[in-house]
């Protein structure tokens, strides 16, 4: 037996085993964490809605031609009408609306004493706009539909807004035979 050494007691050996076992349990959770499985993952997804306007005008208005009928002494029709439908889809920002404008573009002018007017008549469905009334077409853009919000009019031939063109031939005394013109009507969302 060495100096300062206590004599061995039968109970000390068990104490050493318990101390060693306790020390192993203290490190076990740390070792177990390294083997742990991950069963969840995190993904970040960015989402958004882009502002958009799509307009479709099917067909063209019929020919608007002033003709004197076979009855002598009458002026002939002074107002000729033709109509087409336009379909549109819009995604507008919250609390904002769009306006549809129309203008006439082309090299010629209207025949003497004549005018061409346009009126847009919306279907009345939610957010498809409010008609701005009849306008006399010119080179300056003018509103024909106002307060158009996010909507989709549908794609059937009579879905959407009805555009009514009216050609006013004016008084017979102001007409000149052979006058005529072609013009393009430009529709644009603002």
N, C-alpha and C. Protein backbone atom coordinates (compact mmCIF):
# COMPACT_ATOMS: atom_id res chain seq x y z
N UNK A 1 0.82 -1.15 0.00
CA UNK A 1 0.00 0.00 0.00
C UNK A 1 0.88 1.23 0.00
N UNK A 2 0.52 2.14 -0.80
CA UNK A 2 1.30 3.35 -0.91
C UNK A 2 0.85 4.34 0.11
N UNK A 3 1.73 5.32 0.29
CA UNK A 3 1.44 6.35 1.25
C UNK A 3 0.28 7.18 0.73
N UNK A 4 -0.56 7.66 1.49
CA UNK A 4 -1.76 8.44 1.18
C UNK A 4 -2.79 7.66 0.37
N UNK A 5 -2.69 6.40 0.33
CA UNK A 5 -3.66 5.60 -0.40
C UNK A 5 -4.58 4.93 0.59
N UNK A 6 -5.79 4.97 0.32
CA UNK A 6 -6.77 4.36 1.22
C UNK A 6 -6.85 2.88 0.93
N UNK A 7 -7.11 2.14 1.96
CA UNK A 7 -7.28 0.72 1.71
C UNK A 7 -8.52 0.47 0.87
N UNK A 8 -8.46 -0.50 0.03
CA UNK A 8 -9.57 -0.84 -0.85
C UNK A 8 -10.74 -1.33 -0.06
N UNK A 9 -11.86 -0.80 -0.39
CA UNK A 9 -13.09 -1.22 0.25
C UNK A 9 -13.95 -1.86 -0.82
N UNK A 10 -14.69 -2.83 -0.41
CA UNK A 10 -15.50 -3.51 -1.41
C UNK A 10 -16.50 -2.57 -2.10
N UNK A 11 -16.96 -1.51 -1.49
CA UNK A 11 -17.98 -0.62 -2.08
C UNK A 11 -17.41 0.34 -3.10
N UNK A 12 -16.10 0.63 -3.14
CA UNK A 12 -15.51 1.60 -4.05
C UNK A 12 -15.56 1.13 -5.50
N UNK A 13 -15.43 -0.16 -5.73
CA UNK A 13 -15.42 -0.69 -7.09
C UNK A 13 -16.76 -0.41 -7.78
N UNK A 14 -17.85 -0.59 -7.14
CA UNK A 14 -19.17 -0.31 -7.71
C UNK A 14 -19.36 1.16 -7.98
N UNK A 15 -18.76 1.98 -7.13
CA UNK A 15 -18.86 3.42 -7.31
C UNK A 15 -18.16 3.85 -8.59
N UNK A 16 -17.02 3.22 -8.90
CA UNK A 16 -16.29 3.54 -10.13
C UNK A 16 -17.11 3.14 -11.36
N UNK A 17 -17.81 2.04 -11.31
CA UNK A 17 -18.62 1.58 -12.44
C UNK A 17 -19.78 2.54 -12.67
N UNK A 18 -20.43 2.96 -11.62
CA UNK A 18 -21.57 3.90 -11.74
C UNK A 18 -21.09 5.23 -12.29
N UNK A 19 -19.96 5.71 -11.85
CA UNK A 19 -19.42 6.98 -12.34
C UNK A 19 -19.10 6.88 -13.82
N UNK A 20 -18.53 5.79 -14.26
CA UNK A 20 -18.22 5.59 -15.68
C UNK A 20 -19.47 5.50 -16.53
N UNK A 21 -20.48 4.84 -16.03
CA UNK A 21 -21.75 4.70 -16.74
C UNK A 21 -22.44 6.06 -16.85
N UNK A 22 -22.41 6.86 -15.80
CA UNK A 22 -23.02 8.19 -15.80
C UNK A 22 -22.33 9.09 -16.81
N UNK A 23 -21.02 8.99 -16.91
CA UNK A 23 -20.27 9.79 -17.85
C UNK A 23 -20.65 9.42 -19.30
N UNK A 24 -20.83 8.14 -19.59
CA UNK A 24 -21.24 7.68 -20.92
C UNK A 24 -22.63 8.20 -21.27
N UNK A 25 -23.56 8.21 -20.30
CA UNK A 25 -24.91 8.73 -20.54
C UNK A 25 -24.89 10.23 -20.82
N UNK A 26 -23.94 10.95 -20.20
CA UNK A 26 -23.85 12.39 -20.41
C UNK A 26 -23.45 12.70 -21.86
N UNK A 27 -22.62 11.90 -22.51
CA UNK A 27 -22.18 12.14 -23.89
C UNK A 27 -23.12 11.52 -24.93
N UNK A 28 -23.97 10.61 -24.53
CA UNK A 28 -24.83 9.88 -25.45
C UNK A 28 -25.75 10.79 -26.26
N UNK A 29 -26.47 11.79 -25.65
CA UNK A 29 -27.34 12.64 -26.47
C UNK A 29 -26.58 13.40 -27.55
N UNK A 30 -25.37 13.85 -27.26
CA UNK A 30 -24.56 14.55 -28.26
C UNK A 30 -24.19 13.63 -29.40
N UNK A 31 -23.86 12.42 -29.10
CA UNK A 31 -23.52 11.46 -30.15
C UNK A 31 -24.77 11.11 -30.95
N UNK A 32 -25.90 10.98 -30.29
CA UNK A 32 -27.16 10.61 -30.95
C UNK A 32 -27.61 11.72 -31.92
N UNK A 33 -27.35 12.99 -31.58
CA UNK A 33 -27.74 14.12 -32.43
C UNK A 33 -27.04 14.05 -33.77
N UNK A 34 -25.85 13.55 -33.84
CA UNK A 34 -25.13 13.43 -35.09
C UNK A 34 -25.73 12.39 -36.02
N UNK A 35 -26.51 11.47 -35.52
CA UNK A 35 -27.10 10.40 -36.31
C UNK A 35 -28.56 10.72 -36.65
N UNK A 36 -29.13 11.77 -36.08
CA UNK A 36 -30.54 12.12 -36.23
C UNK A 36 -30.92 12.34 -37.70
N UNK A 37 -32.13 11.92 -38.10
CA UNK A 37 -32.63 12.09 -39.46
C UNK A 37 -33.41 13.40 -39.54
N UNK A 38 -33.30 14.12 -40.69
CA UNK A 38 -34.10 15.32 -40.96
C UNK A 38 -35.32 14.88 -41.74
N UNK A 39 -36.51 15.16 -41.24
CA UNK A 39 -37.73 14.76 -41.92
C UNK A 39 -38.51 15.94 -42.49
N UNK A 40 -37.98 17.15 -42.34
CA UNK A 40 -38.64 18.32 -42.90
C UNK A 40 -37.60 19.17 -43.62
N UNK A 41 -38.09 19.96 -44.59
CA UNK A 41 -37.23 20.89 -45.32
C UNK A 41 -38.02 22.17 -45.52
N UNK A 42 -37.34 23.26 -45.74
CA UNK A 42 -37.99 24.56 -45.93
C UNK A 42 -37.72 25.03 -47.36
N UNK A 43 -38.77 25.45 -48.06
CA UNK A 43 -38.66 26.02 -49.40
C UNK A 43 -39.31 27.39 -49.38
N UNK A 44 -38.69 28.36 -50.02
CA UNK A 44 -39.29 29.68 -50.14
C UNK A 44 -39.77 29.85 -51.57
N UNK A 45 -41.06 30.15 -51.75
CA UNK A 45 -41.67 30.29 -53.06
C UNK A 45 -42.14 31.72 -53.23
N UNK A 46 -41.70 32.37 -54.28
CA UNK A 46 -42.15 33.72 -54.59
C UNK A 46 -43.34 33.62 -55.54
N UNK A 47 -44.40 34.34 -55.23
CA UNK A 47 -45.60 34.31 -56.07
C UNK A 47 -46.02 35.74 -56.37
N UNK A 48 -46.66 35.94 -57.50
CA UNK A 48 -47.14 37.26 -57.86
C UNK A 48 -48.12 37.18 -59.01
N UNK A 49 -48.82 38.26 -59.25
CA UNK A 49 -49.76 38.37 -60.36
C UNK A 49 -49.34 39.60 -61.15
N UNK A 50 -49.07 39.42 -62.43
CA UNK A 50 -48.64 40.53 -63.28
C UNK A 50 -49.84 41.24 -63.86
N UNK A 51 -49.71 42.54 -64.02
CA UNK A 51 -50.77 43.32 -64.65
C UNK A 51 -50.80 42.96 -66.14
N UNK A 52 -52.00 42.83 -66.69
CA UNK A 52 -52.11 42.42 -68.09
C UNK A 52 -53.39 42.95 -68.71
N UNK A 53 -53.35 43.18 -70.02
CA UNK A 53 -54.53 43.54 -70.81
C UNK A 53 -54.43 42.82 -72.14
N UNK A 54 -55.48 42.11 -72.50
CA UNK A 54 -55.53 41.44 -73.80
C UNK A 54 -56.86 41.81 -74.44
N UNK A 55 -56.81 42.25 -75.69
CA UNK A 55 -57.99 42.73 -76.39
C UNK A 55 -58.12 41.99 -77.72
N UNK A 56 -59.33 41.57 -78.04
CA UNK A 56 -59.59 40.90 -79.31
C UNK A 56 -60.81 41.54 -79.97
N UNK A 57 -60.66 41.97 -81.20
CA UNK A 57 -61.78 42.52 -81.97
C UNK A 57 -61.98 41.61 -83.18
N UNK A 58 -63.05 40.85 -83.15
CA UNK A 58 -63.33 39.91 -84.24
C UNK A 58 -64.04 40.62 -85.38
N UNK A 59 -63.58 40.41 -86.58
CA UNK A 59 -64.26 40.94 -87.76
C UNK A 59 -64.15 42.45 -87.87
N UNK A 60 -64.80 42.99 -88.86
CA UNK A 60 -64.82 44.42 -89.12
C UNK A 60 -66.27 44.86 -89.30
N UNK A 61 -66.53 46.12 -89.04
CA UNK A 61 -67.89 46.60 -89.30
C UNK A 61 -68.21 46.43 -90.78
N UNK A 62 -69.48 46.26 -91.09
CA UNK A 62 -69.90 46.13 -92.49
C UNK A 62 -69.63 47.41 -93.25
N UNK A 63 -69.73 47.32 -94.55
CA UNK A 63 -69.51 48.50 -95.39
C UNK A 63 -70.61 49.51 -95.12
N UNK A 64 -70.22 50.74 -94.86
CA UNK A 64 -71.17 51.81 -94.58
C UNK A 64 -71.20 52.74 -95.79
N UNK A 65 -72.16 52.54 -96.66
CA UNK A 65 -72.21 53.22 -97.94
C UNK A 65 -73.58 53.88 -98.13
N UNK A 66 -73.57 55.20 -98.30
CA UNK A 66 -74.83 55.93 -98.52
C UNK A 66 -75.27 55.71 -99.96
N UNK A 67 -76.50 55.28 -100.14
CA UNK A 67 -77.05 54.96 -101.44
C UNK A 67 -78.45 55.54 -101.53
N UNK A 68 -78.77 56.19 -102.63
CA UNK A 68 -80.15 56.69 -102.80
C UNK A 68 -80.99 55.55 -103.32
N UNK A 69 -82.14 55.39 -102.68
CA UNK A 69 -83.03 54.32 -103.10
C UNK A 69 -83.73 54.70 -104.40
N UNK A 70 -84.53 53.83 -104.93
CA UNK A 70 -85.17 54.03 -106.23
C UNK A 70 -86.39 54.96 -106.18
N UNK A 71 -86.64 55.55 -105.07
CA UNK A 71 -87.80 56.43 -104.93
C UNK A 71 -87.35 57.88 -105.12
N UNK A 72 -87.81 58.51 -106.19
CA UNK A 72 -87.39 59.87 -106.51
C UNK A 72 -87.82 60.84 -105.41
N UNK A 73 -86.95 61.79 -105.15
CA UNK A 73 -87.28 62.85 -104.20
C UNK A 73 -86.83 62.57 -102.77
N UNK A 74 -86.39 61.36 -102.47
CA UNK A 74 -85.95 61.13 -101.09
C UNK A 74 -84.43 61.27 -101.00
N UNK A 75 -83.99 61.55 -99.84
CA UNK A 75 -82.57 61.80 -99.59
C UNK A 75 -81.75 60.52 -99.48
N UNK A 76 -82.38 59.43 -99.18
CA UNK A 76 -81.63 58.21 -98.92
C UNK A 76 -81.28 58.14 -97.44
N UNK A 77 -80.79 57.03 -97.01
CA UNK A 77 -80.52 56.90 -95.57
C UNK A 77 -79.43 57.87 -95.13
N UNK A 78 -79.66 58.47 -94.00
CA UNK A 78 -78.63 59.38 -93.50
C UNK A 78 -77.80 58.70 -92.40
N UNK A 79 -78.32 57.68 -91.78
CA UNK A 79 -77.59 56.98 -90.73
C UNK A 79 -77.50 55.49 -91.06
N UNK A 80 -76.29 54.99 -91.15
CA UNK A 80 -76.05 53.58 -91.38
C UNK A 80 -75.30 53.04 -90.17
N UNK A 81 -75.71 51.86 -89.70
CA UNK A 81 -75.10 51.31 -88.50
C UNK A 81 -74.51 49.94 -88.78
N UNK A 82 -73.46 49.63 -88.05
CA UNK A 82 -72.84 48.32 -88.11
C UNK A 82 -72.27 48.06 -86.72
N UNK A 83 -72.20 46.80 -86.34
CA UNK A 83 -71.68 46.50 -85.00
C UNK A 83 -70.79 45.28 -85.00
N UNK A 84 -69.86 45.26 -84.05
CA UNK A 84 -68.96 44.13 -83.80
C UNK A 84 -68.83 44.00 -82.29
N UNK A 85 -68.34 42.86 -81.85
CA UNK A 85 -68.09 42.64 -80.43
C UNK A 85 -66.59 42.55 -80.19
N UNK A 86 -66.18 43.06 -79.04
CA UNK A 86 -64.78 42.91 -78.63
C UNK A 86 -64.75 42.13 -77.32
N UNK A 87 -63.75 41.28 -77.19
CA UNK A 87 -63.54 40.51 -75.96
C UNK A 87 -62.23 40.98 -75.34
N UNK A 88 -62.19 40.96 -74.01
CA UNK A 88 -60.97 41.39 -73.34
C UNK A 88 -60.82 40.69 -72.00
N UNK A 89 -59.55 40.57 -71.61
CA UNK A 89 -59.17 40.04 -70.30
C UNK A 89 -58.22 41.03 -69.67
N UNK A 90 -58.48 41.35 -68.43
CA UNK A 90 -57.65 42.35 -67.74
C UNK A 90 -57.34 41.87 -66.33
N UNK A 91 -56.10 42.06 -65.93
CA UNK A 91 -55.71 41.92 -64.52
C UNK A 91 -55.19 43.29 -64.13
N UNK A 92 -55.94 43.98 -63.31
CA UNK A 92 -55.58 45.34 -62.89
C UNK A 92 -55.12 45.32 -61.44
N UNK A 93 -54.34 46.31 -61.08
CA UNK A 93 -53.91 46.45 -59.69
C UNK A 93 -55.14 46.75 -58.83
N UNK A 94 -55.07 46.37 -57.57
CA UNK A 94 -56.19 46.60 -56.65
C UNK A 94 -56.54 48.09 -56.59
N UNK A 95 -57.79 48.39 -56.62
CA UNK A 95 -58.32 49.75 -56.57
C UNK A 95 -57.95 50.59 -57.79
N UNK A 96 -57.58 49.94 -58.90
CA UNK A 96 -57.29 50.67 -60.13
C UNK A 96 -58.16 50.13 -61.26
N UNK A 97 -58.39 50.96 -62.24
CA UNK A 97 -59.20 50.53 -63.38
C UNK A 97 -58.55 51.01 -64.67
N UNK A 98 -59.06 50.48 -65.76
CA UNK A 98 -58.56 50.83 -67.09
C UNK A 98 -59.65 51.54 -67.88
N UNK A 99 -59.22 52.23 -68.92
CA UNK A 99 -60.13 52.90 -69.85
C UNK A 99 -59.78 52.41 -71.25
N UNK A 100 -60.79 52.11 -72.05
CA UNK A 100 -60.58 51.73 -73.45
C UNK A 100 -60.86 52.95 -74.31
N UNK A 101 -59.90 53.31 -75.15
CA UNK A 101 -60.05 54.47 -76.02
C UNK A 101 -60.14 54.02 -77.48
N UNK A 102 -60.66 54.91 -78.30
CA UNK A 102 -60.75 54.66 -79.75
C UNK A 102 -60.32 55.92 -80.47
N UNK A 103 -59.65 55.71 -81.60
CA UNK A 103 -59.28 56.82 -82.47
C UNK A 103 -59.27 56.31 -83.90
N UNK A 104 -59.36 57.24 -84.84
CA UNK A 104 -59.37 56.87 -86.25
C UNK A 104 -58.00 57.19 -86.82
N UNK A 105 -57.50 56.26 -87.62
CA UNK A 105 -56.18 56.41 -88.20
C UNK A 105 -56.29 56.05 -89.68
N UNK A 106 -55.71 56.83 -90.51
CA UNK A 106 -55.74 56.49 -91.92
C UNK A 106 -55.39 57.69 -92.78
N UNK A 107 -55.09 57.44 -94.03
CA UNK A 107 -54.63 58.52 -94.90
C UNK A 107 -55.76 59.45 -95.35
N UNK A 108 -56.97 58.95 -95.50
CA UNK A 108 -58.06 59.77 -96.03
C UNK A 108 -58.89 60.40 -94.93
N UNK A 109 -59.82 61.21 -95.36
CA UNK A 109 -60.77 61.80 -94.42
C UNK A 109 -62.16 61.29 -94.80
N UNK A 110 -63.11 61.61 -93.99
CA UNK A 110 -64.48 61.18 -94.27
C UNK A 110 -65.02 61.94 -95.47
N UNK A 111 -65.96 61.35 -96.19
CA UNK A 111 -66.59 62.10 -97.30
C UNK A 111 -67.24 63.38 -96.78
N UNK A 112 -67.36 64.37 -97.65
CA UNK A 112 -67.93 65.67 -97.27
C UNK A 112 -69.26 65.52 -96.55
N UNK A 113 -69.43 66.24 -95.48
CA UNK A 113 -70.69 66.26 -94.73
C UNK A 113 -70.99 65.00 -93.94
N UNK A 114 -70.05 64.09 -93.84
CA UNK A 114 -70.29 62.81 -93.17
C UNK A 114 -69.50 62.73 -91.85
N UNK A 115 -69.98 61.88 -90.97
CA UNK A 115 -69.24 61.62 -89.73
C UNK A 115 -69.38 60.14 -89.36
N UNK A 116 -68.44 59.68 -88.57
CA UNK A 116 -68.45 58.30 -88.10
C UNK A 116 -68.40 58.34 -86.58
N UNK A 117 -69.41 57.77 -85.96
CA UNK A 117 -69.46 57.75 -84.50
C UNK A 117 -69.32 56.31 -84.02
N UNK A 118 -68.99 56.19 -82.74
CA UNK A 118 -68.81 54.87 -82.13
C UNK A 118 -69.33 54.92 -80.71
N UNK A 119 -70.02 53.86 -80.33
CA UNK A 119 -70.49 53.71 -78.95
C UNK A 119 -70.19 52.28 -78.51
N UNK A 120 -69.64 52.15 -77.31
CA UNK A 120 -69.36 50.83 -76.74
C UNK A 120 -70.42 50.51 -75.71
N UNK A 121 -71.03 49.35 -75.84
CA UNK A 121 -72.08 48.91 -74.92
C UNK A 121 -71.60 47.65 -74.20
N UNK A 122 -71.12 47.79 -72.95
CA UNK A 122 -70.61 46.61 -72.23
C UNK A 122 -71.74 45.67 -71.86
N UNK A 123 -71.38 44.43 -71.55
CA UNK A 123 -72.38 43.40 -71.24
C UNK A 123 -73.09 43.64 -69.91
N UNK A 124 -72.47 44.39 -69.03
CA UNK A 124 -73.07 44.62 -67.71
C UNK A 124 -72.53 43.69 -66.65
N UNK A 125 -71.66 42.76 -67.03
CA UNK A 125 -71.06 41.86 -66.04
C UNK A 125 -70.06 42.63 -65.19
N UNK A 126 -69.78 42.09 -64.02
CA UNK A 126 -68.91 42.75 -63.05
C UNK A 126 -67.54 43.11 -63.65
N UNK A 127 -67.12 44.33 -63.43
CA UNK A 127 -65.81 44.88 -63.80
C UNK A 127 -65.56 45.02 -65.30
N UNK A 128 -66.57 44.79 -66.14
CA UNK A 128 -66.35 44.90 -67.59
C UNK A 128 -66.46 46.33 -68.10
N UNK A 129 -66.67 47.28 -67.21
CA UNK A 129 -66.65 48.68 -67.58
C UNK A 129 -68.02 49.30 -67.75
N UNK A 130 -67.97 50.61 -67.93
CA UNK A 130 -69.17 51.43 -68.12
C UNK A 130 -69.00 52.17 -69.44
N UNK A 131 -70.02 52.16 -70.28
CA UNK A 131 -69.96 52.88 -71.55
C UNK A 131 -69.78 54.37 -71.33
N UNK A 132 -68.93 54.99 -72.15
CA UNK A 132 -68.65 56.42 -72.03
C UNK A 132 -69.54 57.26 -72.94
N UNK A 133 -70.48 56.63 -73.63
CA UNK A 133 -71.38 57.35 -74.54
C UNK A 133 -70.86 57.34 -75.96
N UNK A 134 -71.65 57.91 -76.86
CA UNK A 134 -71.30 57.95 -78.28
C UNK A 134 -70.26 59.04 -78.52
N UNK A 135 -69.21 58.69 -79.27
CA UNK A 135 -68.17 59.67 -79.61
C UNK A 135 -68.10 59.82 -81.12
N UNK A 136 -67.66 60.97 -81.59
CA UNK A 136 -67.36 61.19 -83.01
C UNK A 136 -65.90 60.84 -83.17
N UNK A 137 -65.63 59.82 -83.97
CA UNK A 137 -64.25 59.36 -84.15
C UNK A 137 -63.39 60.41 -84.84
N UNK A 138 -62.17 60.55 -84.34
CA UNK A 138 -61.18 61.46 -84.92
C UNK A 138 -59.80 60.87 -84.65
N UNK A 139 -58.77 61.61 -84.96
CA UNK A 139 -57.40 61.15 -84.74
C UNK A 139 -57.01 61.22 -83.26
N UNK A 140 -57.81 61.87 -82.46
CA UNK A 140 -57.52 62.02 -81.03
C UNK A 140 -58.19 60.88 -80.26
N UNK A 141 -57.43 60.13 -79.43
CA UNK A 141 -58.04 59.03 -78.65
C UNK A 141 -59.11 59.56 -77.69
N UNK A 142 -60.25 58.88 -77.68
CA UNK A 142 -61.35 59.25 -76.79
C UNK A 142 -61.84 58.00 -76.06
N UNK A 143 -62.26 58.17 -74.82
CA UNK A 143 -62.73 57.04 -74.02
C UNK A 143 -64.06 56.51 -74.56
N UNK A 144 -64.14 55.18 -74.69
CA UNK A 144 -65.42 54.55 -75.05
C UNK A 144 -65.92 53.62 -73.93
N UNK A 145 -65.01 53.09 -73.11
CA UNK A 145 -65.35 52.30 -71.91
C UNK A 145 -64.49 52.79 -70.76
N UNK A 146 -65.11 52.98 -69.61
CA UNK A 146 -64.38 53.46 -68.42
C UNK A 146 -64.57 52.48 -67.28
N UNK A 147 -63.74 52.64 -66.26
CA UNK A 147 -63.85 51.87 -65.02
C UNK A 147 -63.81 50.35 -65.24
N UNK A 148 -62.90 49.89 -66.07
CA UNK A 148 -62.75 48.45 -66.32
C UNK A 148 -61.79 47.90 -65.28
N UNK A 149 -62.25 46.92 -64.52
CA UNK A 149 -61.41 46.28 -63.51
C UNK A 149 -60.95 44.91 -63.99
N UNK A 150 -60.43 44.11 -63.09
CA UNK A 150 -60.00 42.76 -63.45
C UNK A 150 -61.21 41.95 -63.90
N UNK A 151 -61.15 41.43 -65.11
CA UNK A 151 -62.28 40.69 -65.67
C UNK A 151 -61.84 39.86 -66.86
N UNK A 152 -62.71 38.97 -67.28
CA UNK A 152 -62.56 38.21 -68.53
C UNK A 152 -63.95 38.11 -69.13
N UNK A 153 -64.13 38.67 -70.31
CA UNK A 153 -65.47 38.79 -70.89
C UNK A 153 -66.03 37.49 -71.44
N UNK A 154 -65.19 36.53 -71.72
CA UNK A 154 -65.61 35.31 -72.40
C UNK A 154 -65.15 35.36 -73.84
N UNK A 155 -65.31 34.27 -74.55
CA UNK A 155 -64.78 34.18 -75.91
C UNK A 155 -65.82 33.93 -76.98
N UNK A 156 -67.09 33.79 -76.61
CA UNK A 156 -68.14 33.56 -77.61
C UNK A 156 -68.29 34.81 -78.48
N UNK A 157 -68.79 34.66 -79.69
CA UNK A 157 -68.89 35.80 -80.62
C UNK A 157 -69.66 37.00 -80.08
N UNK A 158 -70.61 36.78 -79.18
CA UNK A 158 -71.38 37.91 -78.64
C UNK A 158 -71.03 38.19 -77.18
N UNK A 159 -69.88 37.70 -76.71
CA UNK A 159 -69.40 38.06 -75.37
C UNK A 159 -68.66 39.39 -75.45
N UNK A 160 -68.58 40.06 -74.34
CA UNK A 160 -67.81 41.30 -74.29
C UNK A 160 -68.66 42.51 -74.57
N UNK A 161 -68.01 43.57 -75.02
CA UNK A 161 -68.69 44.83 -75.30
C UNK A 161 -69.07 44.89 -76.78
N UNK A 162 -70.25 45.42 -77.03
CA UNK A 162 -70.72 45.58 -78.41
C UNK A 162 -70.32 46.99 -78.87
N UNK A 163 -69.63 47.07 -80.00
CA UNK A 163 -69.26 48.36 -80.58
C UNK A 163 -70.23 48.67 -81.71
N UNK A 164 -70.89 49.81 -81.58
CA UNK A 164 -71.86 50.22 -82.59
C UNK A 164 -71.29 51.41 -83.36
N UNK A 165 -71.00 51.17 -84.65
CA UNK A 165 -70.52 52.24 -85.53
C UNK A 165 -71.72 52.84 -86.24
N UNK A 166 -71.73 54.17 -86.33
CA UNK A 166 -72.82 54.84 -87.05
C UNK A 166 -72.20 55.85 -88.01
N UNK A 167 -72.50 55.65 -89.27
CA UNK A 167 -72.02 56.54 -90.32
C UNK A 167 -73.17 57.47 -90.67
N UNK A 168 -72.97 58.75 -90.48
CA UNK A 168 -74.00 59.73 -90.78
C UNK A 168 -73.66 60.39 -92.10
N UNK A 169 -74.55 60.21 -93.05
CA UNK A 169 -74.31 60.70 -94.41
C UNK A 169 -74.55 62.18 -94.58
N UNK A 170 -75.18 62.83 -93.63
CA UNK A 170 -75.42 64.27 -93.76
C UNK A 170 -76.51 64.59 -94.76
N UNK A 171 -76.63 65.88 -95.07
CA UNK A 171 -77.67 66.35 -96.00
C UNK A 171 -77.29 66.02 -97.43
N UNK A 172 -78.29 65.74 -98.23
CA UNK A 172 -78.06 65.39 -99.65
C UNK A 172 -77.30 66.49 -100.37
N UNK A 173 -77.56 67.73 -100.06
CA UNK A 173 -76.92 68.85 -100.74
C UNK A 173 -75.41 68.90 -100.47
N UNK A 174 -74.97 68.27 -99.40
CA UNK A 174 -73.54 68.32 -99.05
C UNK A 174 -72.78 67.09 -99.54
N UNK A 175 -73.46 66.13 -100.10
CA UNK A 175 -72.81 64.89 -100.55
C UNK A 175 -72.18 65.08 -101.92
N UNK A 176 -71.09 64.39 -102.14
CA UNK A 176 -70.44 64.42 -103.46
C UNK A 176 -70.17 62.97 -103.86
N UNK A 177 -70.69 62.59 -105.03
CA UNK A 177 -70.53 61.21 -105.49
C UNK A 177 -69.05 60.89 -105.69
N UNK A 178 -68.73 59.64 -105.44
CA UNK A 178 -67.36 59.17 -105.65
C UNK A 178 -66.44 59.40 -104.46
N UNK A 179 -66.86 60.18 -103.51
CA UNK A 179 -66.03 60.38 -102.33
C UNK A 179 -66.12 59.16 -101.43
N UNK A 180 -65.05 58.83 -100.87
CA UNK A 180 -65.03 57.70 -99.95
C UNK A 180 -63.66 57.60 -99.31
N UNK A 181 -63.58 56.83 -98.30
CA UNK A 181 -62.28 56.65 -97.65
C UNK A 181 -62.28 55.37 -96.85
N UNK A 182 -61.12 54.95 -96.50
CA UNK A 182 -60.95 53.83 -95.59
C UNK A 182 -60.15 54.35 -94.41
N UNK A 183 -60.58 53.94 -93.26
CA UNK A 183 -59.87 54.36 -92.06
C UNK A 183 -59.74 53.16 -91.12
N UNK A 184 -58.75 53.18 -90.31
CA UNK A 184 -58.56 52.15 -89.30
C UNK A 184 -58.97 52.72 -87.96
N UNK A 185 -59.79 51.98 -87.24
CA UNK A 185 -60.17 52.41 -85.89
C UNK A 185 -59.26 51.66 -84.93
N UNK A 186 -58.52 52.39 -84.14
CA UNK A 186 -57.55 51.83 -83.20
C UNK A 186 -58.16 51.86 -81.80
N UNK A 187 -58.23 50.68 -81.17
CA UNK A 187 -58.72 50.56 -79.80
C UNK A 187 -57.51 50.33 -78.90
N UNK A 188 -57.47 51.04 -77.79
CA UNK A 188 -56.29 50.93 -76.92
C UNK A 188 -56.69 51.11 -75.46
N UNK A 189 -56.13 50.24 -74.60
CA UNK A 189 -56.34 50.38 -73.16
C UNK A 189 -55.38 51.40 -72.60
N UNK A 190 -55.89 52.24 -71.73
CA UNK A 190 -55.08 53.25 -71.03
C UNK A 190 -55.14 52.96 -69.55
